[in-house]
Amino acid sequence: MEITQIETFLAVASFGGFHRAAEALRVSQPAVSSRIKALEESLGVPLFVRSRNTLTLSSAGRVLRPYAEQLLKTASVARQAVHQLDPSSDVPLQIAAGLSISVYFLPDVLKKFQQSFPTVAISIRPGHSKEVLEMVLGEEAEIGLARSLQHPEVETITLRDDPLLLVANPDQLPKRSGRARLTEAAAWPLIFYERGSSDWTLTRGLFRHAGLVPNVALEVDTIETAKRMVERGLGMSFLPLMAVAPEIRRGELCTIKLMDAEPLHRSLDIIHPRHRPLRAQAQSFLQVVRELVKQKSNATTNDLGRRASRPAKKRHRP
């Protein structure tokens, strides 16, 4: 059992697939497959249940997951302790990032950063927002990227708004106007994801505060899985703008505006310890993030502002 195998196992479990895990880890998909196969062979059990469209943890995988998370945490702390003995050593820049941010935002940041700083080594630790905060507080990461994070011991820089949008397949759009009331939305087949996450809690709370019980047709592990289900017309879902902006621009998904409900606003935040100075590499990374967010925000605002208020064109199936 190797650290890279454990890291890959957690990435596949978090992202719900080999392709997204490979992107987050910046390795090839065959490398991900090889690591998972080697880990399963060393343990003598399958860690994932594979079907045509989904990949979920097996019972053995669910048992292994908390131990794998603890193992990675211990390895990170040990690595930092050793590097601190030699201040001149080349310590990788440790970045903790929310799951959706790792998939939909971080790859562009890393590409831009490495163009300017090709010699800086980077280590990415994906997790939910609470886990990102814990990694930064526990000195497992110098910088954290997540949504709507506040804590007295960290400095929070809000980069942009990343709201949750109710999206649907254009062929399944209930109303041509792209507008509806919350009572109508509660009756539609809805797809929830990442039970216990902040997105799940926000979406649940939207209906609960209105005294409504949503019709949850499917509950899945990841944002990406939920999006794929929506694309196939299996239901609607409240998904982050960051995750669906390209599909909305291409007309593959459309938004539904709720006329009698407040928008589900979330901010994209970057955090770092308040009382621990940032290294030069971390400061440079922050600057690259700010520049890229500004570029993306301008492009998204100009484009989606023209599209979000009207339904996408219906696609005619042969």
Protein backbone atom coordinates (compact mmCIF):
# COMPACT_ATOMS: atom_id res chain seq x y z
CA MET A 1 0.00 0.00 0.00
CA GLU A 2 1.54 3.28 -1.15
CA ILE A 3 0.72 6.92 -0.36
CA THR A 4 0.03 7.65 -4.04
CA GLN A 5 -2.48 4.79 -4.11
CA ILE A 6 -4.26 6.13 -1.03
CA GLU A 7 -4.30 9.65 -2.47
CA THR A 8 -5.74 8.33 -5.73
CA PHE A 9 -8.36 6.24 -3.92
CA LEU A 10 -9.62 9.31 -2.05
CA ALA A 11 -9.66 11.39 -5.23
CA VAL A 12 -11.74 8.81 -7.11
CA ALA A 13 -14.09 8.48 -4.13
CA SER A 14 -14.49 12.26 -3.90
CA PHE A 15 -15.00 12.96 -7.61
CA GLY A 16 -16.98 9.84 -8.46
CA GLY A 17 -14.88 8.83 -11.45
CA PHE A 18 -11.39 8.14 -12.79
CA HIS A 19 -11.38 10.95 -15.35
CA ARG A 20 -12.08 13.77 -12.88
CA ALA A 21 -9.71 12.25 -10.34
CA ALA A 22 -6.96 12.19 -12.96
CA GLU A 23 -7.56 15.87 -13.74
CA ALA A 24 -7.44 16.84 -10.06
CA LEU A 25 -4.25 14.83 -9.43
CA ARG A 26 -2.70 15.96 -12.73
CA VAL A 27 -1.90 12.41 -13.85
CA SER A 28 -3.18 10.27 -16.72
CA GLN A 29 -6.37 8.26 -16.39
CA PRO A 30 -4.48 4.97 -16.97
CA ALA A 31 -2.23 5.92 -14.03
CA VAL A 32 -5.30 6.35 -11.83
CA SER A 33 -6.69 2.99 -12.97
CA SER A 34 -3.35 1.30 -12.32
CA ARG A 35 -3.06 2.70 -8.80
CA ILE A 36 -6.60 1.65 -7.87
CA LYS A 37 -6.06 -1.83 -9.29
CA ALA A 38 -2.81 -2.21 -7.34
CA LEU A 39 -4.47 -1.05 -4.12
CA GLU A 40 -7.41 -3.43 -4.59
CA GLU A 41 -5.01 -6.31 -5.27
CA SER A 42 -2.95 -5.53 -2.18
CA LEU A 43 -6.09 -5.52 0.00
CA GLY A 44 -7.73 -8.42 -1.79
CA VAL A 45 -11.11 -6.68 -2.13
CA PRO A 46 -12.82 -4.38 -4.65
CA LEU A 47 -13.04 -0.82 -3.40
CA PHE A 48 -15.56 0.46 -5.96
CA VAL A 49 -18.78 -0.78 -7.47
CA ARG A 50 -18.72 -0.06 -11.19
CA SER A 51 -21.84 0.30 -13.32
CA ARG A 52 -22.50 1.77 -16.74
CA ASN A 53 -22.87 5.39 -15.64
CA THR A 54 -21.74 5.51 -12.01
CA LEU A 55 -18.87 4.58 -9.75
CA THR A 56 -19.55 4.22 -6.03
CA LEU A 57 -17.64 2.94 -3.04
CA SER A 58 -18.04 -0.71 -2.13
CA SER A 59 -18.59 -1.71 1.50
CA ALA A 60 -14.83 -2.24 1.81
CA GLY A 61 -14.20 1.16 0.24
CA ARG A 62 -16.48 2.85 2.77
CA VAL A 63 -14.61 1.17 5.61
CA LEU A 64 -11.22 2.16 4.18
CA ARG A 65 -12.06 5.82 3.50
CA PRO A 66 -11.70 7.31 7.04
CA TYR A 67 -8.46 5.41 7.59
CA ALA A 68 -7.14 6.61 4.23
CA GLU A 69 -7.96 10.21 5.13
CA GLN A 70 -6.14 9.86 8.46
CA LEU A 71 -3.16 8.24 6.75
CA LEU A 72 -2.80 11.13 4.29
CA LYS A 73 -3.10 13.65 7.09
CA THR A 74 -0.38 11.91 9.09
CA ALA A 75 1.89 11.71 6.04
CA SER A 76 1.43 15.43 5.35
CA VAL A 77 2.27 16.39 8.94
CA ALA A 78 5.33 14.12 8.92
CA ARG A 79 6.54 15.59 5.63
CA GLN A 80 6.23 19.14 6.90
CA ALA A 81 8.01 18.28 10.15
CA VAL A 82 10.98 16.87 8.23
CA HIS A 83 11.15 19.83 5.83
CA GLN A 84 11.13 22.28 8.73
CA LEU A 85 14.49 20.85 9.84
CA ASP A 86 15.96 22.27 6.64
CA PRO A 87 14.46 25.69 5.79
CA SER A 88 16.25 25.71 2.45
CA SER A 89 14.56 22.50 1.26
CA ASP A 90 12.13 22.69 -1.63
CA VAL A 91 8.81 22.36 0.23
CA PRO A 92 5.85 21.97 -2.17
CA LEU A 93 3.15 24.63 -2.08
CA GLN A 94 0.30 22.91 -0.21
CA ILE A 95 -3.16 23.89 -1.53
CA ALA A 96 -6.44 22.65 -0.05
CA ALA A 97 -9.46 23.08 -2.33
CA GLY A 98 -13.16 22.33 -2.32
CA LEU A 99 -14.21 19.40 -4.47
CA SER A 100 -16.00 21.43 -7.14
CA ILE A 101 -13.24 24.04 -7.14
CA SER A 102 -10.63 21.32 -7.72
CA VAL A 103 -12.55 20.13 -10.76
CA TYR A 104 -13.97 23.29 -12.36
CA PHE A 105 -11.63 26.13 -11.34
CA LEU A 106 -8.24 24.94 -10.10
CA PRO A 107 -6.95 23.38 -13.35
CA ASP A 108 -7.01 26.80 -15.08
CA VAL A 109 -5.30 28.40 -12.08
CA LEU A 110 -2.54 25.77 -12.07
CA LYS A 111 -1.98 26.13 -15.80
CA LYS A 112 -1.57 29.90 -15.53
CA PHE A 113 0.57 29.62 -12.38
CA GLN A 114 2.96 27.07 -13.83
CA GLN A 115 3.44 29.15 -16.96
CA SER A 116 4.93 31.88 -14.73
CA PHE A 117 6.47 29.66 -12.04
CA PRO A 118 7.42 26.35 -13.68
CA THR A 119 9.83 25.27 -10.94
CA VAL A 120 7.36 25.53 -8.02
CA ALA A 121 6.08 22.13 -6.89
CA ILE A 122 2.42 22.03 -5.85
CA SER A 123 0.44 19.51 -3.78
CA ILE A 124 -3.38 19.59 -3.98
CA ARG A 125 -5.61 18.29 -1.18
CA PRO A 126 -9.32 18.14 -2.18
CA GLY A 127 -12.14 18.08 0.37
CA HIS A 128 -15.40 19.67 1.47
CA SER A 129 -15.33 23.29 2.70
CA LYS A 130 -15.11 22.24 6.36
CA GLU A 131 -12.21 19.92 5.56
CA VAL A 132 -10.42 22.71 3.66
CA LEU A 133 -10.69 24.93 6.73
CA GLU A 134 -9.40 22.15 8.98
CA MET A 135 -6.39 21.55 6.69
CA VAL A 136 -5.45 25.23 6.74
CA LEU A 137 -5.89 25.50 10.51
CA GLY A 138 -3.93 22.29 11.03
CA GLU A 139 -1.03 23.58 8.88
CA GLU A 140 -1.58 20.81 6.34
CA ALA A 141 -2.10 23.49 3.68
CA GLU A 142 -0.82 27.03 3.29
CA ILE A 143 -3.80 28.19 1.24
CA GLY A 144 -7.40 27.03 1.03
CA LEU A 145 -9.94 27.53 -1.74
CA ALA A 146 -13.56 26.93 -0.81
CA ARG A 147 -16.93 28.61 -0.70
CA SER A 148 -18.25 30.93 2.01
CA LEU A 149 -15.60 30.24 4.66
CA GLN A 150 -15.17 32.42 7.75
CA HIS A 151 -13.08 31.70 10.84
CA PRO A 152 -11.36 34.02 13.35
CA GLU A 153 -7.97 32.36 12.79
CA VAL A 154 -7.90 32.71 9.01
CA GLU A 155 -7.84 35.62 6.60
CA THR A 156 -10.70 35.28 4.12
CA ILE A 157 -10.57 36.93 0.70
CA THR A 158 -13.83 36.76 -1.23
CA LEU A 159 -13.08 36.39 -4.92
CA ARG A 160 -16.49 36.19 -6.62
CA ASP A 161 -20.07 35.03 -6.26
CA ASP A 162 -20.77 31.40 -7.15
CA PRO A 163 -24.53 30.93 -6.67
CA LEU A 164 -26.46 27.69 -6.84
CA LEU A 165 -28.68 27.71 -9.93
CA LEU A 166 -31.70 25.53 -10.59
CA VAL A 167 -30.83 23.90 -13.91
CA ALA A 168 -32.62 21.52 -16.24
CA ASN A 169 -32.20 19.78 -19.56
CA PRO A 170 -33.84 22.06 -22.18
CA ASP A 171 -35.97 19.13 -23.38
CA GLN A 172 -37.32 18.70 -19.83
CA LEU A 173 -38.03 22.39 -19.18
CA PRO A 174 -41.52 22.54 -17.63
CA LYS A 175 -42.19 26.11 -18.73
CA ARG A 176 -40.95 27.92 -21.80
CA SER A 177 -40.53 31.11 -19.75
CA GLY A 178 -37.79 29.59 -17.59
CA ARG A 179 -39.56 30.89 -14.47
CA ALA A 180 -41.43 29.06 -11.74
CA ARG A 181 -42.62 29.24 -8.16
CA LEU A 182 -40.98 27.28 -5.37
CA THR A 183 -44.09 25.12 -4.88
CA GLU A 184 -43.82 24.04 -8.52
CA ALA A 185 -40.11 23.27 -8.20
CA ALA A 186 -40.76 21.18 -5.07
CA ALA A 187 -42.97 18.85 -7.10
CA TRP A 188 -40.48 18.34 -9.93
CA PRO A 189 -38.01 15.41 -9.82
CA LEU A 190 -34.95 16.88 -8.10
CA ILE A 191 -31.43 15.57 -7.89
CA PHE A 192 -29.55 16.20 -4.66
CA TYR A 193 -25.85 15.50 -4.14
CA GLU A 194 -23.12 15.27 -1.49
CA ARG A 195 -25.40 14.65 1.51
CA GLY A 196 -24.31 16.80 4.44
CA SER A 197 -22.35 19.29 2.30
CA SER A 198 -23.06 23.01 2.35
CA ASP A 199 -24.77 22.78 -1.06
CA TRP A 200 -27.02 19.99 0.19
CA THR A 201 -27.84 21.96 3.34
CA LEU A 202 -28.60 25.16 1.43
CA THR A 203 -30.89 23.40 -1.03
CA ARG A 204 -32.73 21.50 1.70
CA GLY A 205 -33.09 24.70 3.72
CA LEU A 206 -34.65 26.57 0.79
CA PHE A 207 -37.64 24.20 0.82
CA ARG A 208 -37.75 23.62 4.57
CA HIS A 209 -38.02 27.33 5.35
CA ALA A 210 -40.99 27.52 2.98
CA GLY A 211 -42.66 24.54 4.64
CA LEU A 212 -42.19 22.38 1.55
CA VAL A 213 -40.92 18.83 1.08
CA PRO A 214 -38.91 18.51 -2.16
CA ASN A 215 -39.45 15.57 -4.49
CA VAL A 216 -35.94 14.09 -4.38
CA ALA A 217 -35.88 11.64 -7.27
CA LEU A 218 -32.15 10.90 -7.03
CA GLU A 219 -29.42 11.50 -4.48
CA VAL A 220 -25.86 11.10 -5.78
CA ASP A 221 -22.29 11.46 -4.53
CA THR A 222 -20.88 14.37 -6.54
CA ILE A 223 -21.76 17.56 -8.40
CA GLU A 224 -20.47 16.08 -11.63
CA THR A 225 -22.73 13.03 -11.31
CA ALA A 226 -25.72 15.28 -10.60
CA LYS A 227 -24.93 17.37 -13.68
CA ARG A 228 -24.71 14.28 -15.89
CA MET A 229 -28.08 13.09 -14.60
CA VAL A 230 -29.64 16.48 -15.40
CA GLU A 231 -28.14 16.39 -18.89
CA ARG A 232 -29.84 13.04 -19.45
CA GLY A 233 -33.21 14.44 -18.41
CA LEU A 234 -33.51 12.51 -15.14
CA GLY A 235 -34.40 15.60 -13.11
CA MET A 236 -33.44 19.13 -12.13
CA SER A 237 -30.76 20.18 -9.66
CA PHE A 238 -29.37 23.21 -7.83
CA LEU A 239 -25.79 23.32 -9.12
CA PRO A 240 -22.94 25.83 -8.68
CA LEU A 241 -22.56 28.36 -11.48
CA MET A 242 -18.90 27.36 -11.72
CA ALA A 243 -19.89 23.79 -12.59
CA VAL A 244 -22.52 24.55 -15.24
CA ALA A 245 -21.47 27.81 -16.92
CA PRO A 246 -20.01 26.10 -20.04
CA GLU A 247 -23.11 23.92 -20.52
CA ILE A 248 -25.40 26.94 -20.15
CA ARG A 249 -23.37 28.88 -22.71
CA ARG A 250 -23.64 25.98 -25.17
CA GLY A 251 -27.38 25.58 -24.57
CA GLU A 252 -26.98 22.07 -23.15
CA LEU A 253 -28.50 23.16 -19.83
CA CYS A 254 -30.89 25.97 -18.98
CA THR A 255 -31.64 27.84 -15.77
CA ILE A 256 -34.99 28.21 -14.05
CA LYS A 257 -35.56 31.39 -12.05
CA LEU A 258 -37.59 30.99 -8.86
CA MET A 259 -39.84 34.02 -8.63
CA ASP A 260 -40.73 33.72 -4.93
CA ALA A 261 -37.42 32.55 -3.43
CA GLU A 262 -34.18 34.28 -2.59
CA PRO A 263 -31.20 33.25 -4.75
CA LEU A 264 -28.84 30.75 -3.14
CA HIS A 265 -25.72 32.89 -3.03
CA ARG A 266 -22.32 31.42 -2.25
CA SER A 267 -18.95 33.10 -2.49
CA LEU A 268 -15.71 31.67 -3.81
CA ASP A 269 -13.19 32.37 -1.05
CA ILE A 270 -9.48 31.93 -0.58
CA ILE A 271 -8.15 31.57 2.96
CA HIS A 272 -4.79 31.48 4.69
CA PRO A 273 -3.71 31.52 8.36
CA ARG A 274 -4.02 34.98 9.91
CA HIS A 275 -0.94 34.69 12.11
CA ARG A 276 1.40 32.76 9.82
CA PRO A 277 3.25 34.63 7.06
CA LEU A 278 2.88 33.33 3.51
CA ARG A 279 5.89 32.22 1.53
CA ALA A 280 6.70 34.02 -1.71
CA GLN A 281 5.32 31.10 -3.72
CA ALA A 282 1.99 31.30 -1.89
CA GLN A 283 1.76 35.05 -2.42
CA SER A 284 2.40 34.57 -6.13
CA PHE A 285 -0.31 31.92 -6.24
CA LEU A 286 -2.77 34.32 -4.63
CA GLN A 287 -2.04 36.92 -7.27
CA VAL A 288 -2.59 34.45 -10.11
CA VAL A 289 -5.92 33.39 -8.58
CA ARG A 290 -7.10 37.01 -8.34
CA GLU A 291 -6.16 37.72 -11.95
CA LEU A 292 -7.88 34.61 -13.28
CA VAL A 293 -11.04 35.20 -11.22
CA LYS A 294 -11.29 38.72 -12.62
CA GLN A 295 -11.01 37.41 -16.20
CA LYS A 296 -13.57 34.64 -15.64
CA SER A 297 -16.01 36.89 -13.81
CA ASN A 298 -16.06 39.43 -16.62
CA ALA A 299 -16.61 36.74 -19.25
CA THR A 300 -19.29 34.91 -17.26
CA THR A 301 -21.21 38.05 -16.32
CA ASN A 302 -21.34 39.29 -19.91
CA ASP A 303 -22.41 35.94 -21.34
CA LEU A 304 -24.74 34.48 -18.71
CA GLY A 305 -26.45 37.80 -18.13
CA ARG A 306 -27.93 37.44 -21.60
CA ARG A 307 -28.87 33.79 -21.18
CA ALA A 308 -29.87 33.06 -17.59
CA SER A 309 -33.20 34.89 -17.78
CA ARG A 310 -34.49 32.96 -20.78
CA PRO A 311 -34.79 29.24 -21.52
CA ALA A 312 -32.41 27.57 -23.89
CA LYS A 313 -33.72 26.52 -27.26
CA LYS A 314 -35.39 23.17 -27.36
CA ARG A 315 -33.28 20.48 -28.97
CA HIS A 316 -35.06 18.18 -31.37
CA ARG A 317 -34.17 14.56 -31.02
CA PRO A 318 -34.10 12.43 -34.12
